[in-house]
N, C-alpha and C. Protein backbone atom coordinates (compact mmCIF):
# COMPACT_ATOMS: atom_id res chain seq x y z
N MET A 1 8.18 -84.61 -13.49
CA MET A 1 6.97 -83.92 -13.62
C MET A 1 7.12 -82.68 -14.49
N GLN A 2 6.26 -82.52 -15.36
CA GLN A 2 6.28 -81.39 -16.26
C GLN A 2 5.43 -80.27 -15.72
N GLN A 3 5.96 -79.09 -15.88
CA GLN A 3 5.16 -77.94 -15.47
C GLN A 3 4.29 -77.50 -16.63
N PRO A 4 3.11 -77.04 -16.32
CA PRO A 4 2.22 -76.63 -17.41
C PRO A 4 2.74 -75.36 -18.09
N ASP A 5 2.60 -75.35 -19.37
CA ASP A 5 3.01 -74.19 -20.16
C ASP A 5 1.94 -73.11 -20.03
N PRO A 6 2.30 -71.88 -19.62
CA PRO A 6 1.28 -70.85 -19.40
C PRO A 6 0.68 -70.33 -20.71
N PHE A 7 1.36 -70.54 -21.80
CA PHE A 7 0.85 -70.04 -23.07
C PHE A 7 0.00 -71.05 -23.81
N LYS A 8 -0.03 -72.21 -23.34
CA LYS A 8 -0.80 -73.27 -23.99
C LYS A 8 -2.14 -73.40 -23.28
N THR A 9 -3.18 -73.33 -24.08
CA THR A 9 -4.52 -73.51 -23.49
C THR A 9 -5.07 -74.84 -23.94
N THR A 10 -5.74 -75.47 -23.04
CA THR A 10 -6.29 -76.78 -23.36
C THR A 10 -7.80 -76.80 -23.26
N THR A 11 -8.38 -75.63 -23.18
CA THR A 11 -9.85 -75.61 -23.08
C THR A 11 -10.45 -75.75 -24.45
N SER A 12 -11.62 -76.16 -24.51
CA SER A 12 -12.30 -76.36 -25.77
C SER A 12 -13.34 -75.28 -26.03
N GLU A 13 -13.29 -74.18 -25.30
CA GLU A 13 -14.24 -73.10 -25.50
C GLU A 13 -13.76 -72.22 -26.65
N THR A 14 -14.69 -71.72 -27.41
CA THR A 14 -14.39 -70.81 -28.49
C THR A 14 -14.93 -69.45 -28.10
N VAL A 15 -14.07 -68.47 -28.15
CA VAL A 15 -14.48 -67.11 -27.78
C VAL A 15 -14.69 -66.34 -29.07
N VAL A 16 -15.86 -65.77 -29.17
CA VAL A 16 -16.19 -64.97 -30.34
C VAL A 16 -16.27 -63.52 -29.88
N ASP A 17 -15.46 -62.70 -30.48
CA ASP A 17 -15.45 -61.29 -30.11
C ASP A 17 -16.29 -60.54 -31.13
N THR A 18 -17.38 -59.99 -30.70
CA THR A 18 -18.28 -59.29 -31.61
C THR A 18 -18.09 -57.78 -31.53
N GLU A 19 -17.30 -57.30 -30.61
CA GLU A 19 -17.15 -55.87 -30.45
C GLU A 19 -16.04 -55.29 -31.33
N THR A 20 -15.03 -56.00 -31.64
CA THR A 20 -13.94 -55.45 -32.45
C THR A 20 -14.26 -55.61 -33.93
N PRO A 21 -14.07 -54.55 -34.68
CA PRO A 21 -14.36 -54.65 -36.12
C PRO A 21 -13.31 -55.48 -36.83
N LYS A 22 -13.72 -56.01 -37.95
CA LYS A 22 -12.79 -56.81 -38.74
C LYS A 22 -11.92 -55.87 -39.58
N VAL A 23 -10.69 -56.15 -39.63
CA VAL A 23 -9.75 -55.33 -40.39
C VAL A 23 -9.25 -56.16 -41.55
N GLU A 24 -9.42 -55.57 -42.74
CA GLU A 24 -8.92 -56.26 -43.92
C GLU A 24 -7.56 -55.66 -44.27
N VAL A 25 -6.64 -56.50 -44.48
CA VAL A 25 -5.28 -56.05 -44.81
C VAL A 25 -5.06 -56.32 -46.28
N GLU A 26 -4.64 -55.22 -46.98
CA GLU A 26 -4.36 -55.36 -48.40
C GLU A 26 -2.86 -55.56 -48.55
N VAL A 27 -2.49 -56.60 -49.18
CA VAL A 27 -1.09 -56.92 -49.36
C VAL A 27 -0.72 -56.62 -50.80
N GLN A 28 0.29 -55.76 -50.95
CA GLN A 28 0.76 -55.46 -52.29
C GLN A 28 2.00 -56.28 -52.57
N VAL A 29 1.98 -56.86 -53.73
CA VAL A 29 3.12 -57.67 -54.13
C VAL A 29 4.00 -56.77 -54.97
N THR A 30 5.22 -56.56 -54.53
CA THR A 30 6.13 -55.72 -55.28
C THR A 30 6.88 -56.57 -56.29
N PRO A 31 7.08 -55.99 -57.47
CA PRO A 31 7.82 -56.75 -58.47
C PRO A 31 9.27 -56.88 -58.04
N PRO A 32 9.95 -57.77 -58.63
CA PRO A 32 11.37 -57.92 -58.30
C PRO A 32 12.13 -56.61 -58.58
N GLU A 33 13.28 -56.47 -57.96
CA GLU A 33 14.05 -55.23 -58.06
C GLU A 33 14.44 -54.90 -59.49
N SER A 34 14.73 -55.86 -60.29
CA SER A 34 15.14 -55.59 -61.67
C SER A 34 13.99 -54.99 -62.47
N GLU A 35 12.79 -55.47 -62.26
CA GLU A 35 11.63 -54.91 -62.97
C GLU A 35 11.36 -53.49 -62.49
N GLN A 36 11.48 -53.27 -61.18
CA GLN A 36 11.24 -51.95 -60.62
C GLN A 36 12.28 -50.95 -61.15
N THR A 37 13.52 -51.35 -61.21
CA THR A 37 14.58 -50.49 -61.74
C THR A 37 14.35 -50.20 -63.21
N ASN A 38 13.92 -51.21 -63.95
CA ASN A 38 13.64 -51.03 -65.37
C ASN A 38 12.49 -50.05 -65.57
N THR A 39 11.46 -50.14 -64.73
CA THR A 39 10.32 -49.22 -64.83
C THR A 39 10.76 -47.80 -64.52
N GLN A 40 11.58 -47.62 -63.49
CA GLN A 40 12.08 -46.29 -63.17
C GLN A 40 12.93 -45.73 -64.30
N PHE A 41 13.76 -46.57 -64.88
CA PHE A 41 14.58 -46.14 -66.01
C PHE A 41 13.71 -45.70 -67.18
N GLN A 42 12.66 -46.44 -67.47
CA GLN A 42 11.75 -46.08 -68.56
C GLN A 42 11.06 -44.75 -68.28
N ASP A 43 10.66 -44.52 -67.02
CA ASP A 43 10.03 -43.24 -66.66
C ASP A 43 10.99 -42.07 -66.85
N ILE A 44 12.23 -42.25 -66.40
CA ILE A 44 13.23 -41.19 -66.54
C ILE A 44 13.54 -40.95 -68.01
N LYS A 45 13.63 -42.03 -68.77
CA LYS A 45 13.91 -41.92 -70.21
C LYS A 45 12.79 -41.16 -70.91
N THR A 46 11.55 -41.46 -70.56
CA THR A 46 10.40 -40.79 -71.17
C THR A 46 10.42 -39.30 -70.85
N GLN A 47 10.70 -38.94 -69.60
CA GLN A 47 10.76 -37.53 -69.21
C GLN A 47 11.89 -36.80 -69.95
N ALA A 48 13.03 -37.44 -70.08
CA ALA A 48 14.16 -36.82 -70.77
C ALA A 48 13.85 -36.60 -72.24
N VAL A 49 13.21 -37.56 -72.88
CA VAL A 49 12.85 -37.43 -74.29
C VAL A 49 11.84 -36.30 -74.47
N GLU A 50 10.88 -36.18 -73.56
CA GLU A 50 9.90 -35.09 -73.65
C GLU A 50 10.57 -33.73 -73.51
N ILE A 51 11.50 -33.61 -72.57
CA ILE A 51 12.20 -32.34 -72.37
C ILE A 51 13.05 -32.00 -73.60
N LEU A 52 13.75 -32.99 -74.13
CA LEU A 52 14.58 -32.75 -75.31
C LEU A 52 13.74 -32.41 -76.54
N ALA A 53 12.54 -32.96 -76.62
CA ALA A 53 11.67 -32.64 -77.74
C ALA A 53 11.17 -31.20 -77.65
N GLU A 54 10.98 -30.70 -76.44
CA GLU A 54 10.50 -29.33 -76.25
C GLU A 54 11.63 -28.31 -76.19
N LEU A 55 12.88 -28.75 -76.17
CA LEU A 55 14.01 -27.86 -75.98
C LEU A 55 14.11 -26.77 -77.05
N PRO A 56 13.95 -27.05 -78.34
CA PRO A 56 14.03 -25.96 -79.33
C PRO A 56 12.97 -24.88 -79.09
N VAL A 57 11.78 -25.27 -78.72
CA VAL A 57 10.72 -24.29 -78.46
C VAL A 57 11.07 -23.45 -77.23
N ILE A 58 11.55 -24.11 -76.19
CA ILE A 58 11.92 -23.40 -74.96
C ILE A 58 13.06 -22.41 -75.23
N LEU A 59 14.08 -22.86 -75.97
CA LEU A 59 15.21 -21.98 -76.26
C LEU A 59 14.81 -20.82 -77.16
N SER A 60 13.96 -21.06 -78.15
CA SER A 60 13.55 -19.96 -79.02
C SER A 60 12.72 -18.94 -78.25
N ARG A 61 11.84 -19.39 -77.34
CA ARG A 61 11.08 -18.45 -76.50
C ARG A 61 12.02 -17.64 -75.61
N PHE A 62 13.00 -18.33 -75.01
CA PHE A 62 13.96 -17.64 -74.14
C PHE A 62 14.76 -16.61 -74.92
N PHE A 63 15.24 -16.99 -76.12
CA PHE A 63 16.04 -16.08 -76.93
C PHE A 63 15.21 -14.89 -77.38
N ASN A 64 13.95 -15.12 -77.79
CA ASN A 64 13.10 -14.00 -78.21
C ASN A 64 12.79 -13.06 -77.06
N LYS A 65 12.63 -13.60 -75.87
CA LYS A 65 12.31 -12.77 -74.70
C LYS A 65 13.51 -11.94 -74.26
N TYR A 66 14.71 -12.52 -74.29
CA TYR A 66 15.91 -11.85 -73.79
C TYR A 66 16.93 -11.59 -74.90
N ARG A 67 16.46 -11.21 -76.08
CA ARG A 67 17.34 -11.03 -77.22
C ARG A 67 18.39 -9.95 -76.99
N LYS A 68 17.99 -8.76 -76.58
CA LYS A 68 18.94 -7.66 -76.42
C LYS A 68 19.98 -7.94 -75.33
N PRO A 69 19.58 -8.42 -74.14
CA PRO A 69 20.63 -8.71 -73.15
C PRO A 69 21.59 -9.81 -73.59
N ILE A 70 21.09 -10.81 -74.30
CA ILE A 70 21.96 -11.91 -74.77
C ILE A 70 22.96 -11.37 -75.78
N ILE A 71 22.50 -10.53 -76.70
CA ILE A 71 23.40 -9.96 -77.70
C ILE A 71 24.43 -9.06 -77.02
N THR A 72 24.00 -8.27 -76.04
CA THR A 72 24.93 -7.39 -75.32
C THR A 72 26.00 -8.19 -74.60
N VAL A 73 25.60 -9.22 -73.89
CA VAL A 73 26.57 -10.06 -73.18
C VAL A 73 27.51 -10.74 -74.18
N GLY A 74 26.97 -11.21 -75.29
CA GLY A 74 27.80 -11.84 -76.32
C GLY A 74 28.82 -10.88 -76.90
N LEU A 75 28.40 -9.63 -77.16
CA LEU A 75 29.34 -8.65 -77.69
C LEU A 75 30.42 -8.30 -76.67
N ILE A 76 30.04 -8.17 -75.41
CA ILE A 76 31.03 -7.87 -74.37
C ILE A 76 32.04 -9.01 -74.28
N LEU A 77 31.56 -10.25 -74.31
CA LEU A 77 32.48 -11.40 -74.27
C LEU A 77 33.38 -11.43 -75.51
N ALA A 78 32.81 -11.12 -76.68
CA ALA A 78 33.61 -11.13 -77.91
C ALA A 78 34.68 -10.05 -77.87
N VAL A 79 34.34 -8.86 -77.36
CA VAL A 79 35.33 -7.80 -77.25
C VAL A 79 36.43 -8.21 -76.27
N GLY A 80 36.04 -8.81 -75.15
CA GLY A 80 37.03 -9.27 -74.17
C GLY A 80 37.99 -10.29 -74.76
N VAL A 81 37.43 -11.26 -75.49
CA VAL A 81 38.27 -12.28 -76.13
C VAL A 81 39.16 -11.65 -77.19
N GLY A 82 38.60 -10.70 -77.95
CA GLY A 82 39.40 -10.02 -78.97
C GLY A 82 40.57 -9.25 -78.39
N ILE A 83 40.31 -8.56 -77.27
CA ILE A 83 41.39 -7.82 -76.61
C ILE A 83 42.46 -8.77 -76.10
N LYS A 84 42.03 -9.89 -75.50
CA LYS A 84 43.01 -10.87 -75.00
C LYS A 84 43.87 -11.42 -76.13
N VAL A 85 43.25 -11.75 -77.27
CA VAL A 85 44.00 -12.30 -78.41
C VAL A 85 44.96 -11.24 -78.95
N THR A 86 44.49 -10.00 -79.06
CA THR A 86 45.35 -8.93 -79.57
C THR A 86 46.56 -8.72 -78.66
N LEU A 87 46.30 -8.71 -77.35
CA LEU A 87 47.42 -8.54 -76.41
C LEU A 87 48.39 -9.72 -76.47
N ALA A 88 47.87 -10.92 -76.68
CA ALA A 88 48.75 -12.08 -76.80
C ALA A 88 49.60 -11.99 -78.07
N VAL A 89 49.02 -11.53 -79.17
CA VAL A 89 49.79 -11.38 -80.43
C VAL A 89 50.86 -10.30 -80.26
N ILE A 90 50.48 -9.18 -79.63
CA ILE A 90 51.46 -8.11 -79.43
C ILE A 90 52.59 -8.58 -78.52
N ASP A 91 52.24 -9.32 -77.48
CA ASP A 91 53.27 -9.86 -76.58
C ASP A 91 54.20 -10.81 -77.33
N ALA A 92 53.62 -11.64 -78.20
CA ALA A 92 54.46 -12.56 -78.98
C ALA A 92 55.36 -11.79 -79.95
N LEU A 93 54.84 -10.71 -80.54
CA LEU A 93 55.67 -9.91 -81.46
C LEU A 93 56.76 -9.16 -80.70
N ASN A 94 56.46 -8.75 -79.47
CA ASN A 94 57.47 -8.04 -78.69
C ASN A 94 58.63 -8.94 -78.29
N ASP A 95 58.43 -10.24 -78.30
CA ASP A 95 59.50 -11.16 -77.96
C ASP A 95 60.50 -11.34 -79.10
N ILE A 96 60.12 -10.92 -80.29
CA ILE A 96 61.04 -11.04 -81.43
C ILE A 96 62.05 -9.88 -81.35
N PRO A 97 63.34 -10.18 -81.41
CA PRO A 97 64.35 -9.11 -81.29
C PRO A 97 64.24 -8.08 -82.41
N LEU A 98 64.42 -6.83 -82.05
CA LEU A 98 64.40 -5.66 -82.94
C LEU A 98 63.02 -5.33 -83.50
N LEU A 99 62.02 -6.17 -83.27
CA LEU A 99 60.69 -5.87 -83.82
C LEU A 99 59.96 -4.83 -82.98
N ALA A 100 60.07 -4.92 -81.65
CA ALA A 100 59.40 -3.95 -80.78
C ALA A 100 59.96 -2.54 -81.00
N PRO A 101 61.28 -2.36 -81.02
CA PRO A 101 61.78 -0.99 -81.29
C PRO A 101 61.39 -0.48 -82.68
N THR A 102 61.30 -1.38 -83.64
CA THR A 102 60.90 -0.97 -84.99
C THR A 102 59.46 -0.46 -84.98
N PHE A 103 58.56 -1.18 -84.29
CA PHE A 103 57.17 -0.72 -84.20
C PHE A 103 57.06 0.61 -83.46
N GLU A 104 57.88 0.80 -82.43
CA GLU A 104 57.87 2.07 -81.71
C GLU A 104 58.31 3.20 -82.63
N LEU A 105 59.32 2.96 -83.41
CA LEU A 105 59.81 3.98 -84.35
C LEU A 105 58.75 4.31 -85.39
N ILE A 106 58.08 3.28 -85.91
CA ILE A 106 57.01 3.51 -86.88
C ILE A 106 55.89 4.33 -86.23
N GLY A 107 55.52 4.04 -84.99
CA GLY A 107 54.48 4.80 -84.30
C GLY A 107 54.87 6.24 -84.08
N ILE A 108 56.11 6.49 -83.72
CA ILE A 108 56.57 7.87 -83.52
C ILE A 108 56.56 8.63 -84.83
N ILE A 109 57.01 8.01 -85.91
CA ILE A 109 57.02 8.66 -87.23
C ILE A 109 55.60 8.97 -87.68
N TYR A 110 54.67 8.02 -87.51
CA TYR A 110 53.29 8.26 -87.93
C TYR A 110 52.65 9.37 -87.10
N SER A 111 52.91 9.40 -85.80
CA SER A 111 52.36 10.46 -84.95
C SER A 111 52.89 11.82 -85.38
N GLY A 112 54.17 11.89 -85.69
CA GLY A 112 54.75 13.15 -86.17
C GLY A 112 54.10 13.59 -87.48
N TRP A 113 53.92 12.65 -88.41
CA TRP A 113 53.27 12.99 -89.69
C TRP A 113 51.84 13.47 -89.47
N PHE A 114 51.08 12.82 -88.56
CA PHE A 114 49.69 13.20 -88.30
C PHE A 114 49.63 14.62 -87.72
N VAL A 115 50.52 14.93 -86.79
CA VAL A 115 50.54 16.29 -86.21
C VAL A 115 50.88 17.30 -87.30
N TYR A 116 51.87 17.02 -88.11
CA TYR A 116 52.27 17.95 -89.18
C TYR A 116 51.14 18.11 -90.21
N ARG A 117 50.49 17.00 -90.58
CA ARG A 117 49.47 17.05 -91.64
C ARG A 117 48.16 17.68 -91.18
N TYR A 118 47.68 17.38 -89.95
CA TYR A 118 46.34 17.79 -89.56
C TYR A 118 46.27 18.81 -88.41
N LEU A 119 47.24 18.89 -87.55
CA LEU A 119 47.06 19.67 -86.33
C LEU A 119 47.81 21.00 -86.29
N LEU A 120 48.79 21.24 -87.14
CA LEU A 120 49.57 22.47 -87.06
C LEU A 120 48.80 23.70 -87.54
N ARG A 121 48.08 23.62 -88.64
CA ARG A 121 47.39 24.78 -89.21
C ARG A 121 45.89 24.66 -89.00
N ALA A 122 45.24 25.78 -88.86
CA ALA A 122 43.79 25.83 -88.63
C ALA A 122 43.02 25.27 -89.82
N SER A 123 43.47 25.54 -91.03
CA SER A 123 42.77 25.03 -92.21
C SER A 123 42.81 23.50 -92.25
N ASN A 124 43.94 22.93 -91.84
CA ASN A 124 44.06 21.47 -91.81
C ASN A 124 43.20 20.86 -90.71
N ARG A 125 43.07 21.57 -89.56
CA ARG A 125 42.20 21.08 -88.49
C ARG A 125 40.74 21.07 -88.94
N GLU A 126 40.35 22.12 -89.71
CA GLU A 126 38.98 22.15 -90.24
C GLU A 126 38.75 20.99 -91.21
N GLU A 127 39.73 20.70 -92.02
CA GLU A 127 39.64 19.57 -92.95
C GLU A 127 39.49 18.25 -92.18
N LEU A 128 40.26 18.07 -91.11
CA LEU A 128 40.16 16.87 -90.27
C LEU A 128 38.77 16.78 -89.64
N TRP A 129 38.27 17.92 -89.13
CA TRP A 129 36.95 17.94 -88.50
C TRP A 129 35.87 17.58 -89.53
N ALA A 130 35.99 18.05 -90.75
CA ALA A 130 35.02 17.72 -91.80
C ALA A 130 35.07 16.22 -92.12
N GLU A 131 36.25 15.65 -92.14
CA GLU A 131 36.38 14.22 -92.40
C GLU A 131 35.77 13.40 -91.26
N VAL A 132 35.97 13.85 -90.03
CA VAL A 132 35.40 13.15 -88.88
C VAL A 132 33.87 13.22 -88.94
N GLN A 133 33.32 14.41 -89.27
CA GLN A 133 31.87 14.55 -89.37
C GLN A 133 31.31 13.69 -90.50
N SER A 134 32.00 13.62 -91.62
CA SER A 134 31.56 12.79 -92.74
C SER A 134 31.53 11.32 -92.34
N LEU A 135 32.56 10.86 -91.67
CA LEU A 135 32.61 9.47 -91.21
C LEU A 135 31.50 9.20 -90.20
N LYS A 136 31.25 10.17 -89.32
CA LYS A 136 30.20 10.03 -88.32
C LYS A 136 28.82 9.91 -88.98
N GLU A 137 28.58 10.70 -90.02
CA GLU A 137 27.30 10.62 -90.74
C GLU A 137 27.15 9.29 -91.48
N GLN A 138 28.24 8.78 -92.01
CA GLN A 138 28.19 7.50 -92.70
C GLN A 138 27.87 6.37 -91.73
N LEU A 139 28.41 6.44 -90.52
CA LEU A 139 28.21 5.38 -89.54
C LEU A 139 26.86 5.48 -88.84
N LEU A 140 26.47 6.68 -88.45
CA LEU A 140 25.27 6.86 -87.63
C LEU A 140 24.04 7.30 -88.42
N GLY A 141 24.23 7.75 -89.63
CA GLY A 141 23.10 8.23 -90.43
C GLY A 141 23.23 9.72 -90.66
N ASP A 142 22.23 10.28 -91.34
CA ASP A 142 22.29 11.69 -91.71
C ASP A 142 22.21 12.62 -90.50
N LYS A 143 21.34 12.30 -89.56
CA LYS A 143 21.18 13.14 -88.37
C LYS A 143 21.97 12.54 -87.22
N ALA A 144 23.16 13.02 -87.03
CA ALA A 144 24.01 12.52 -85.96
C ALA A 144 23.59 13.15 -84.64
N ILE A 145 23.68 12.39 -83.59
CA ILE A 145 23.33 12.87 -82.24
C ILE A 145 24.48 13.73 -81.75
N GLN A 146 24.15 14.95 -81.29
CA GLN A 146 25.20 15.86 -80.83
C GLN A 146 25.09 16.09 -79.36
């Protein structure tokens, strides 16, 4: 004997439900993954090309807006690199035998000559001061800031 299945109905009545609204379901068909990836790649490529096309305009606006700070930072970096290179060259020259003592001797001799030539007599100090003022006017203009 078979037991009746509780989920199976054998009645011939049709029930019409008029109280519940009908719901329409919209089904979207997604393209295959390769097409979707290709579309995303095209979108990214388009955005990148637009940004690269506008890059010169963006950079020129940025440079015009921040010209002085950029130049200042560039000069500071250039001075730093110059000092590093100079110290590296001096260090390399100091490694050569007899060259470092020779440079020290030349420096001592030049310092002695400078003291004798410009600093011992008052007239020579005035001459040095006039030369310094002349150089200052040439570099800064006629009206030097004092």
